[in-house]
N, C-alpha and C. Protein backbone atom coordinates (compact mmCIF):
# COMPACT_ATOMS: atom_id res chain seq x y z
N MET A 1 2.20 5.19 15.03
CA MET A 1 2.75 3.85 14.67
C MET A 1 2.59 3.73 13.35
N ASN A 2 3.54 2.90 12.87
CA ASN A 2 3.46 2.46 11.41
C ASN A 2 2.98 1.20 11.40
N THR A 3 1.80 0.92 10.57
CA THR A 3 1.37 -0.15 10.59
C THR A 3 1.45 -0.94 9.23
N LEU A 4 2.16 -0.50 8.48
CA LEU A 4 2.48 -1.18 7.26
C LEU A 4 3.85 -1.75 7.33
N PRO A 5 3.99 -3.35 6.68
CA PRO A 5 5.37 -3.73 6.57
C PRO A 5 6.45 -2.71 5.76
N GLN A 6 7.69 -3.00 6.09
CA GLN A 6 8.31 -1.86 5.48
C GLN A 6 8.60 -1.48 3.95
N VAL A 7 8.40 -2.17 3.45
CA VAL A 7 8.08 -2.38 1.55
C VAL A 7 6.95 -1.58 1.46
N LEU A 8 5.93 -2.13 1.87
CA LEU A 8 4.85 -1.41 1.55
C LEU A 8 4.74 0.05 1.99
N GLN A 9 5.34 0.43 3.21
CA GLN A 9 5.38 1.57 3.81
C GLN A 9 6.29 2.43 2.65
N GLU A 10 7.42 2.00 2.33
CA GLU A 10 8.31 2.60 1.34
C GLU A 10 7.64 2.87 0.23
N ILE A 11 6.76 1.87 -0.85
CA ILE A 11 6.13 2.20 -1.67
C ILE A 11 5.09 3.35 -1.48
N CYS A 12 4.33 3.30 -0.12
CA CYS A 12 3.19 4.54 0.30
C CYS A 12 4.01 5.63 0.18
N GLU A 13 5.16 5.89 0.84
CA GLU A 13 5.81 7.26 0.43
C GLU A 13 5.88 7.57 -0.63
N VAL A 14 6.66 6.75 -1.48
CA VAL A 14 7.13 7.24 -2.94
C VAL A 14 5.99 7.48 -3.74
N ALA A 15 4.66 6.53 -3.79
CA ALA A 15 3.87 6.64 -4.72
C ALA A 15 2.34 6.57 -4.40
N GLY A 16 2.39 6.79 -2.96
CA GLY A 16 0.78 6.43 -2.37
C GLY A 16 0.24 5.34 -1.84
N LEU A 17 -0.59 5.50 -1.02
CA LEU A 17 -1.17 4.32 -0.38
C LEU A 17 -1.65 3.46 -1.01
N GLU A 18 -2.72 4.18 -2.16
CA GLU A 18 -3.48 3.07 -3.19
C GLU A 18 -2.37 2.29 -4.07
N ALA A 19 -1.26 2.93 -4.50
CA ALA A 19 -0.32 1.95 -5.12
C ALA A 19 0.10 0.86 -4.06
N ALA A 20 0.35 0.97 -3.15
CA ALA A 20 1.14 -0.06 -2.20
C ALA A 20 -0.16 -1.04 -1.94
N ILE A 21 -1.41 -0.54 -1.57
CA ILE A 21 -2.58 -1.69 -1.59
C ILE A 21 -2.47 -2.52 -2.99
N ARG A 22 -2.80 -1.98 -4.08
CA ARG A 22 -2.87 -2.56 -5.09
C ARG A 22 -1.82 -3.46 -5.33
N ILE A 23 -0.55 -3.23 -4.93
CA ILE A 23 0.69 -4.46 -5.34
C ILE A 23 0.48 -5.28 -4.20
N ALA A 24 0.17 -5.17 -2.76
CA ALA A 24 -0.11 -6.13 -1.87
C ALA A 24 -1.30 -6.83 -2.34
N ARG A 25 -2.23 -6.37 -2.76
CA ARG A 25 -3.53 -7.26 -3.12
C ARG A 25 -3.07 -8.49 -4.18
N ARG A 26 -2.50 -7.52 -5.37
CA ARG A 26 -2.14 -8.45 -6.36
C ARG A 26 -0.92 -9.50 -6.66
N TYR A 27 -0.17 -8.82 -5.45
CA TYR A 27 1.34 -9.81 -5.68
C TYR A 27 1.65 -9.92 -4.35
N GLY A 28 0.96 -9.90 -3.09
CA GLY A 28 1.73 -10.10 -1.72
C GLY A 28 1.77 -11.57 -1.57
N GLY A 29 3.08 -11.86 -1.25
CA GLY A 29 3.34 -13.18 -0.83
C GLY A 29 4.65 -13.42 -2.08
N SER A 30 4.68 -12.93 -3.13
CA SER A 30 5.43 -13.20 -4.24
C SER A 30 7.02 -12.42 -4.29
N ARG A 31 7.99 -12.80 -4.93
CA ARG A 31 9.14 -12.19 -5.28
C ARG A 31 8.61 -11.47 -6.84
N MET A 32 8.85 -10.07 -6.77
CA MET A 32 8.79 -9.60 -7.89
C MET A 32 9.73 -8.60 -8.44
N SER A 33 9.82 -8.52 -9.66
CA SER A 33 11.10 -7.39 -9.94
C SER A 33 10.43 -6.13 -10.16
N ILE A 34 11.36 -5.22 -10.03
CA ILE A 34 10.98 -3.43 -9.90
C ILE A 34 12.20 -3.21 -11.08
N PRO A 35 12.01 -3.06 -12.08
CA PRO A 35 13.07 -2.68 -13.36
C PRO A 35 13.62 -1.21 -12.89
N ALA A 36 14.68 -1.05 -13.42
CA ALA A 36 15.37 0.39 -13.29
C ALA A 36 14.34 1.48 -13.85
N TYR A 37 13.88 1.12 -15.18
CA TYR A 37 12.84 1.86 -15.67
C TYR A 37 11.77 1.18 -16.19
N PRO A 38 10.36 1.75 -15.91
CA PRO A 38 9.03 1.11 -15.82
C PRO A 38 9.02 1.33 -17.69
N LYS A 39 8.22 -0.01 -18.04
CA LYS A 39 7.69 -0.01 -19.63
C LYS A 39 6.51 -0.31 -19.46
N GLY A 40 5.47 0.12 -20.50
CA GLY A 40 4.27 0.22 -20.53
C GLY A 40 3.61 -1.45 -20.35
N ASP A 41 4.30 -2.55 -20.79
CA ASP A 41 3.54 -3.74 -20.47
C ASP A 41 4.15 -4.51 -19.36
N HIS A 42 4.72 -3.80 -18.25
CA HIS A 42 5.08 -4.44 -17.24
C HIS A 42 4.25 -4.39 -16.15
N TRP A 43 4.32 -5.65 -15.11
CA TRP A 43 3.31 -5.75 -14.40
C TRP A 43 3.00 -4.56 -13.34
N LEU A 44 4.23 -3.64 -13.00
CA LEU A 44 4.09 -2.81 -12.29
C LEU A 44 2.96 -1.64 -12.47
N VAL A 45 3.65 -1.44 -13.86
CA VAL A 45 2.61 -0.13 -14.85
C VAL A 45 1.35 -0.74 -14.88
N GLU A 46 1.07 -1.89 -15.12
CA GLU A 46 -0.35 -2.49 -15.15
C GLU A 46 -1.02 -2.41 -13.85
N THR A 47 -0.44 -2.45 -12.91
CA THR A 47 -0.92 -2.44 -11.27
C THR A 47 -1.37 -1.29 -10.96
N VAL A 48 -0.34 -0.33 -11.19
CA VAL A 48 -0.52 1.27 -10.31
C VAL A 48 -0.41 2.23 -11.34
N GLY A 49 -0.41 2.14 -12.65
CA GLY A 49 -0.33 3.01 -13.56
C GLY A 49 1.12 3.72 -13.76
N GLU A 50 1.56 4.24 -14.96
CA GLU A 50 2.82 4.67 -15.30
C GLU A 50 3.36 5.65 -14.17
N ASN A 51 2.46 6.92 -13.88
CA ASN A 51 3.18 8.01 -12.99
C ASN A 51 3.81 7.11 -11.49
N ALA A 52 2.92 6.09 -10.95
CA ALA A 52 3.42 5.85 -9.89
C ALA A 52 4.63 4.63 -10.15
N ALA A 53 4.30 4.00 -11.10
CA ALA A 53 5.31 2.91 -11.42
C ALA A 53 6.79 3.74 -11.64
N ARG A 54 7.06 4.97 -12.20
CA ARG A 54 8.21 5.56 -12.40
C ARG A 54 8.67 5.75 -10.95
N LYS A 55 7.81 6.67 -10.14
CA LYS A 55 8.43 6.82 -8.92
C LYS A 55 8.58 5.74 -7.77
N ILE A 56 8.16 4.38 -7.99
CA ILE A 56 8.60 3.31 -7.35
C ILE A 56 9.91 2.79 -8.42
N CYS A 57 10.01 2.71 -9.33
CA CYS A 57 11.46 2.49 -9.94
C CYS A 57 12.48 3.38 -9.43
N ASP A 58 12.19 4.68 -9.55
CA ASP A 58 12.92 5.73 -9.16
C ASP A 58 13.74 5.48 -7.87
N HIS A 59 12.76 4.91 -6.78
CA HIS A 59 13.12 4.89 -5.63
C HIS A 59 14.06 3.65 -5.25
N TYR A 60 13.72 2.47 -6.14
CA TYR A 60 14.59 1.45 -5.97
C TYR A 60 15.66 0.87 -6.89
N ARG A 61 15.69 1.88 -7.67
CA ARG A 61 16.83 1.75 -9.09
C ARG A 61 18.17 2.13 -8.19
N ILE A 62 19.00 0.83 -8.70
CA ILE A 62 20.38 0.92 -8.12
C ILE A 62 21.56 1.58 -9.38
N ILE A 63 22.45 1.99 -9.23
CA ILE A 63 23.87 1.99 -10.29
C ILE A 63 24.80 0.92 -10.07
N ASN A 64 24.96 -0.15 -10.83
CA ASN A 64 25.96 -1.11 -10.45
C ASN A 64 27.15 -0.39 -10.79
N GLY A 65 28.35 -1.42 -10.66
CA GLY A 65 29.92 -1.17 -10.49
C GLY A 65 30.03 -0.11 -12.26
N SER A 66 29.32 -0.95 -12.84
CA SER A 66 29.78 -0.45 -14.41
C SER A 66 28.80 1.00 -14.56
N ASP A 67 28.24 1.68 -13.43
CA ASP A 67 27.59 2.85 -13.69
C ASP A 67 26.22 2.72 -14.62
N ARG A 68 25.99 1.36 -14.81
CA ARG A 68 24.55 1.18 -15.18
C ARG A 68 23.34 0.96 -14.52
N ALA A 69 22.15 1.35 -14.45
CA ALA A 69 21.00 1.46 -13.78
C ALA A 69 20.70 -0.18 -13.70
N ALA A 70 20.22 -0.26 -12.88
CA ALA A 70 19.75 -1.87 -12.63
C ALA A 70 18.44 -1.90 -11.75
N GLY A 71 17.57 -2.80 -12.02
CA GLY A 71 16.54 -2.91 -11.27
C GLY A 71 16.69 -4.18 -9.67
N ILE A 72 15.58 -4.28 -9.36
CA ILE A 72 15.87 -5.26 -8.24
C ILE A 72 14.57 -6.05 -7.78
N TYR A 73 14.70 -7.12 -7.24
CA TYR A 73 13.49 -8.08 -6.79
C TYR A 73 13.19 -7.64 -5.57
N LEU A 74 11.67 -7.64 -5.32
CA LEU A 74 11.30 -7.39 -4.04
C LEU A 74 10.55 -8.56 -3.55
N ASP A 75 10.45 -8.87 -1.99
CA ASP A 75 9.80 -9.94 -1.67
C ASP A 75 8.17 -8.89 -0.91
N ILE A 76 7.19 -9.07 -2.06
CA ILE A 76 5.96 -8.23 -1.59
C ILE A 76 5.37 -8.73 -0.18
N PRO A 77 5.15 -7.98 0.89
CA PRO A 77 4.68 -8.76 1.96
C PRO A 77 3.03 -8.97 1.87
N LEU A 78 2.77 -10.04 2.46
CA LEU A 78 1.44 -10.50 2.62
C LEU A 78 0.97 -11.04 3.89
N GLY A 79 -0.30 -11.00 4.19
CA GLY A 79 -0.74 -11.62 5.48
C GLY A 79 -1.78 -10.90 5.94
N PRO A 80 -2.73 -11.80 6.57
CA PRO A 80 -4.10 -10.90 7.28
C PRO A 80 -3.78 -9.65 7.88
N ALA A 81 -2.90 -9.69 8.59
CA ALA A 81 -2.54 -8.76 9.54
C ALA A 81 -1.76 -7.57 8.60
N GLY A 82 -1.43 -7.67 7.48
CA GLY A 82 -1.00 -6.45 6.60
C GLY A 82 -1.81 -5.90 6.00
N MET A 83 -2.87 -6.84 5.46
CA MET A 83 -3.98 -6.29 4.46
C MET A 83 -4.85 -5.62 5.70
N ARG A 84 -5.05 -6.10 6.77
CA ARG A 84 -6.03 -5.21 7.60
C ARG A 84 -5.52 -4.21 7.99
N ALA A 85 -4.25 -3.79 8.20
CA ALA A 85 -3.62 -2.61 8.67
C ALA A 85 -3.82 -1.68 7.07
N LEU A 86 -3.64 -2.44 6.21
CA LEU A 86 -3.61 -1.52 5.16
C LEU A 86 -5.12 -1.09 4.90
N SER A 87 -6.05 -1.96 5.23
CA SER A 87 -7.50 -1.49 5.02
C SER A 87 -7.90 -0.50 5.99
N HIS A 88 -7.44 -0.58 7.17
CA HIS A 88 -7.85 0.37 8.20
C HIS A 88 -6.95 1.46 8.11
N GLN A 89 -6.07 1.72 7.54
CA GLN A 89 -4.99 3.06 7.09
C GLN A 89 -6.02 3.97 5.78
N ARG A 90 -6.67 3.04 5.13
CA ARG A 90 -7.48 3.52 3.99
C ARG A 90 -8.92 3.95 4.51
N ILE A 91 -9.41 3.33 5.59
CA ILE A 91 -10.48 3.67 6.08
C ILE A 91 -10.33 4.88 7.01
N ARG A 92 -9.03 5.04 7.79
CA ARG A 92 -9.07 6.30 8.22
C ARG A 92 -8.94 7.59 7.22
N ALA A 93 -8.35 7.16 6.25
CA ALA A 93 -7.98 8.55 5.47
C ALA A 93 -9.37 8.82 4.67
N TYR A 94 -10.04 7.92 4.26
CA TYR A 94 -11.30 8.22 3.36
C TYR A 94 -12.25 8.98 4.83
N LEU A 95 -12.52 8.42 6.01
CA LEU A 95 -13.04 9.14 7.10
C LEU A 95 -12.68 10.66 7.15
N ALA A 96 -11.50 10.59 7.15
CA ALA A 96 -10.79 12.15 7.38
C ALA A 96 -11.09 12.87 6.06
N ASP A 97 -11.00 12.36 4.96
CA ASP A 97 -11.55 13.04 3.75
C ASP A 97 -13.24 13.69 3.95
N GLY A 98 -14.12 12.94 4.70
CA GLY A 98 -15.52 13.11 5.18
C GLY A 98 -16.37 12.20 4.34
N LEU A 99 -15.75 10.93 4.00
CA LEU A 99 -16.54 10.15 3.27
C LEU A 99 -17.70 9.38 4.10
N SER A 100 -18.67 9.32 3.96
CA SER A 100 -19.73 8.27 4.62
C SER A 100 -19.25 6.72 4.95
N ALA A 101 -19.84 6.56 6.30
CA ALA A 101 -19.19 4.98 6.20
C ALA A 101 -19.76 4.00 5.35
N ASP A 102 -20.85 4.15 4.81
CA ASP A 102 -21.11 3.11 3.61
C ASP A 102 -20.15 3.40 2.06
N GLU A 103 -19.96 4.77 1.93
CA GLU A 103 -19.04 4.75 0.73
C GLU A 103 -17.92 4.23 1.16
N VAL A 104 -16.93 4.41 2.22
CA VAL A 104 -16.04 4.18 2.42
C VAL A 104 -16.08 2.41 2.62
N ALA A 105 -16.83 1.83 2.99
CA ALA A 105 -17.13 0.69 3.16
C ALA A 105 -17.13 -0.02 1.73
N ARG A 106 -17.66 0.64 0.63
CA ARG A 106 -17.94 0.27 -0.56
C ARG A 106 -16.52 0.49 -1.00
N ARG A 107 -15.74 1.53 -0.69
CA ARG A 107 -14.22 1.46 -1.64
C ARG A 107 -13.26 0.52 -1.03
N VAL A 108 -13.24 0.46 0.25
CA VAL A 108 -12.33 -0.60 0.79
C VAL A 108 -12.57 -1.80 0.37
N GLY A 109 -13.90 -2.26 0.46
CA GLY A 109 -14.41 -3.80 0.42
C GLY A 109 -14.38 -4.32 1.70
N VAL A 110 -15.07 -3.65 2.89
CA VAL A 110 -15.20 -4.18 4.02
C VAL A 110 -16.47 -3.83 4.61
N HIS A 111 -17.15 -4.60 5.65
CA HIS A 111 -18.38 -4.48 5.96
C HIS A 111 -18.36 -3.02 6.81
N ARG A 112 -19.37 -2.32 6.67
CA ARG A 112 -19.72 -0.89 7.40
C ARG A 112 -19.71 -0.88 9.04
N GLN A 113 -19.73 -2.05 9.37
CA GLN A 113 -19.46 -2.16 10.86
C GLN A 113 -17.89 -2.14 11.46
N THR A 114 -17.01 -2.55 10.07
CA THR A 114 -15.62 -2.26 10.29
C THR A 114 -15.29 -0.70 10.29
N VAL A 115 -16.09 -0.09 9.35
CA VAL A 115 -15.70 1.49 9.24
C VAL A 115 -16.07 2.33 10.56
N LEU A 116 -17.63 1.84 10.79
CA LEU A 116 -17.84 2.38 12.34
C LEU A 116 -16.82 2.30 13.45
N ARG A 117 -16.18 1.08 13.77
CA ARG A 117 -15.16 0.92 14.68
C ARG A 117 -14.04 1.58 14.55
N GLN A 118 -13.61 1.82 13.33
CA GLN A 118 -12.29 2.69 12.81
C GLN A 118 -12.92 3.94 13.32
N ALA A 119 -14.00 4.46 12.98
CA ALA A 119 -14.59 5.81 13.28
C ALA A 119 -14.49 5.95 14.76
N GLN A 120 -14.89 5.21 15.51
CA GLN A 120 -14.73 5.44 16.83
C GLN A 120 -13.26 5.44 17.52
N LYS A 121 -12.54 4.52 16.80
CA LYS A 121 -11.01 4.73 17.20
C LYS A 121 -10.67 6.11 16.94
N LEU A 122 -10.97 6.91 15.99
CA LEU A 122 -10.50 8.17 15.62
C LEU A 122 -10.87 8.97 16.72
N ARG A 123 -12.10 8.79 17.44
CA ARG A 123 -12.84 9.76 18.11
C ARG A 123 -12.29 9.70 19.30
N ASP A 124 -12.15 8.30 19.90
CA ASP A 124 -11.37 7.80 21.14
C ASP A 124 -9.94 7.30 20.92
N PRO A 125 -9.12 7.58 20.98
CA PRO A 125 -7.80 6.93 20.76
C PRO A 125 -7.51 6.06 21.88
N ARG A 126 -7.95 5.98 22.69
CA ARG A 126 -7.90 5.12 23.70
C ARG A 126 -8.49 3.51 23.39
N GLN A 127 -9.22 3.62 22.18
CA GLN A 127 -9.59 2.23 21.77
C GLN A 127 -8.62 1.63 20.93
N ALA A 128 -7.73 0.85 21.67
CA ALA A 128 -6.49 -0.09 20.99
C ALA A 128 -7.05 -0.98 19.90
N ASP A 129 -6.44 -1.39 18.79
CA ASP A 129 -6.74 -2.26 18.01
C ASP A 129 -5.63 -3.34 18.42
N LEU A 130 -6.86 -4.56 18.76
CA LEU A 130 -5.93 -5.70 19.32
C LEU A 130 -5.10 -6.49 18.56
N PHE A 131 -5.04 -6.39 17.16
CA PHE A 131 -4.45 -6.74 16.04
C PHE A 131 -3.23 -5.94 15.62
N GLU A 132 -3.00 -4.58 16.27
CA GLU A 132 -1.80 -3.68 15.43
C GLU A 132 -0.74 -4.30 15.98
N ASP A 133 0.28 -3.94 15.25
CA ASP A 133 1.66 -4.24 15.93
C ASP A 133 1.93 -3.02 16.96
């Protein structure tokens, strides 16, 4: 089951989960420009780095009727449920990589108990998350 809003899921697929999280944290709830080609001082490059920004721009670039590349505007999702889903996804990924609960909590910025609850859900998938869509 997909727990990310569509825009963040697309960004995750093309540039990685960390890029989607950084964008949501800094610009969630805003309409932001995605240029056809990223430039070094653009908010996207400053937020996710040049490589990830290039991948995102490549994904969203359109060719207009004059055969010219154009960027778009995206409404970046925001909300406690969306950020919680992002945090839970990051927790699960770090746990799968073998990090300790304390280290995961520090990296994600959540309480250790939150990490332990997610770890339990990984061990027992019958433990449903009441807040997931």
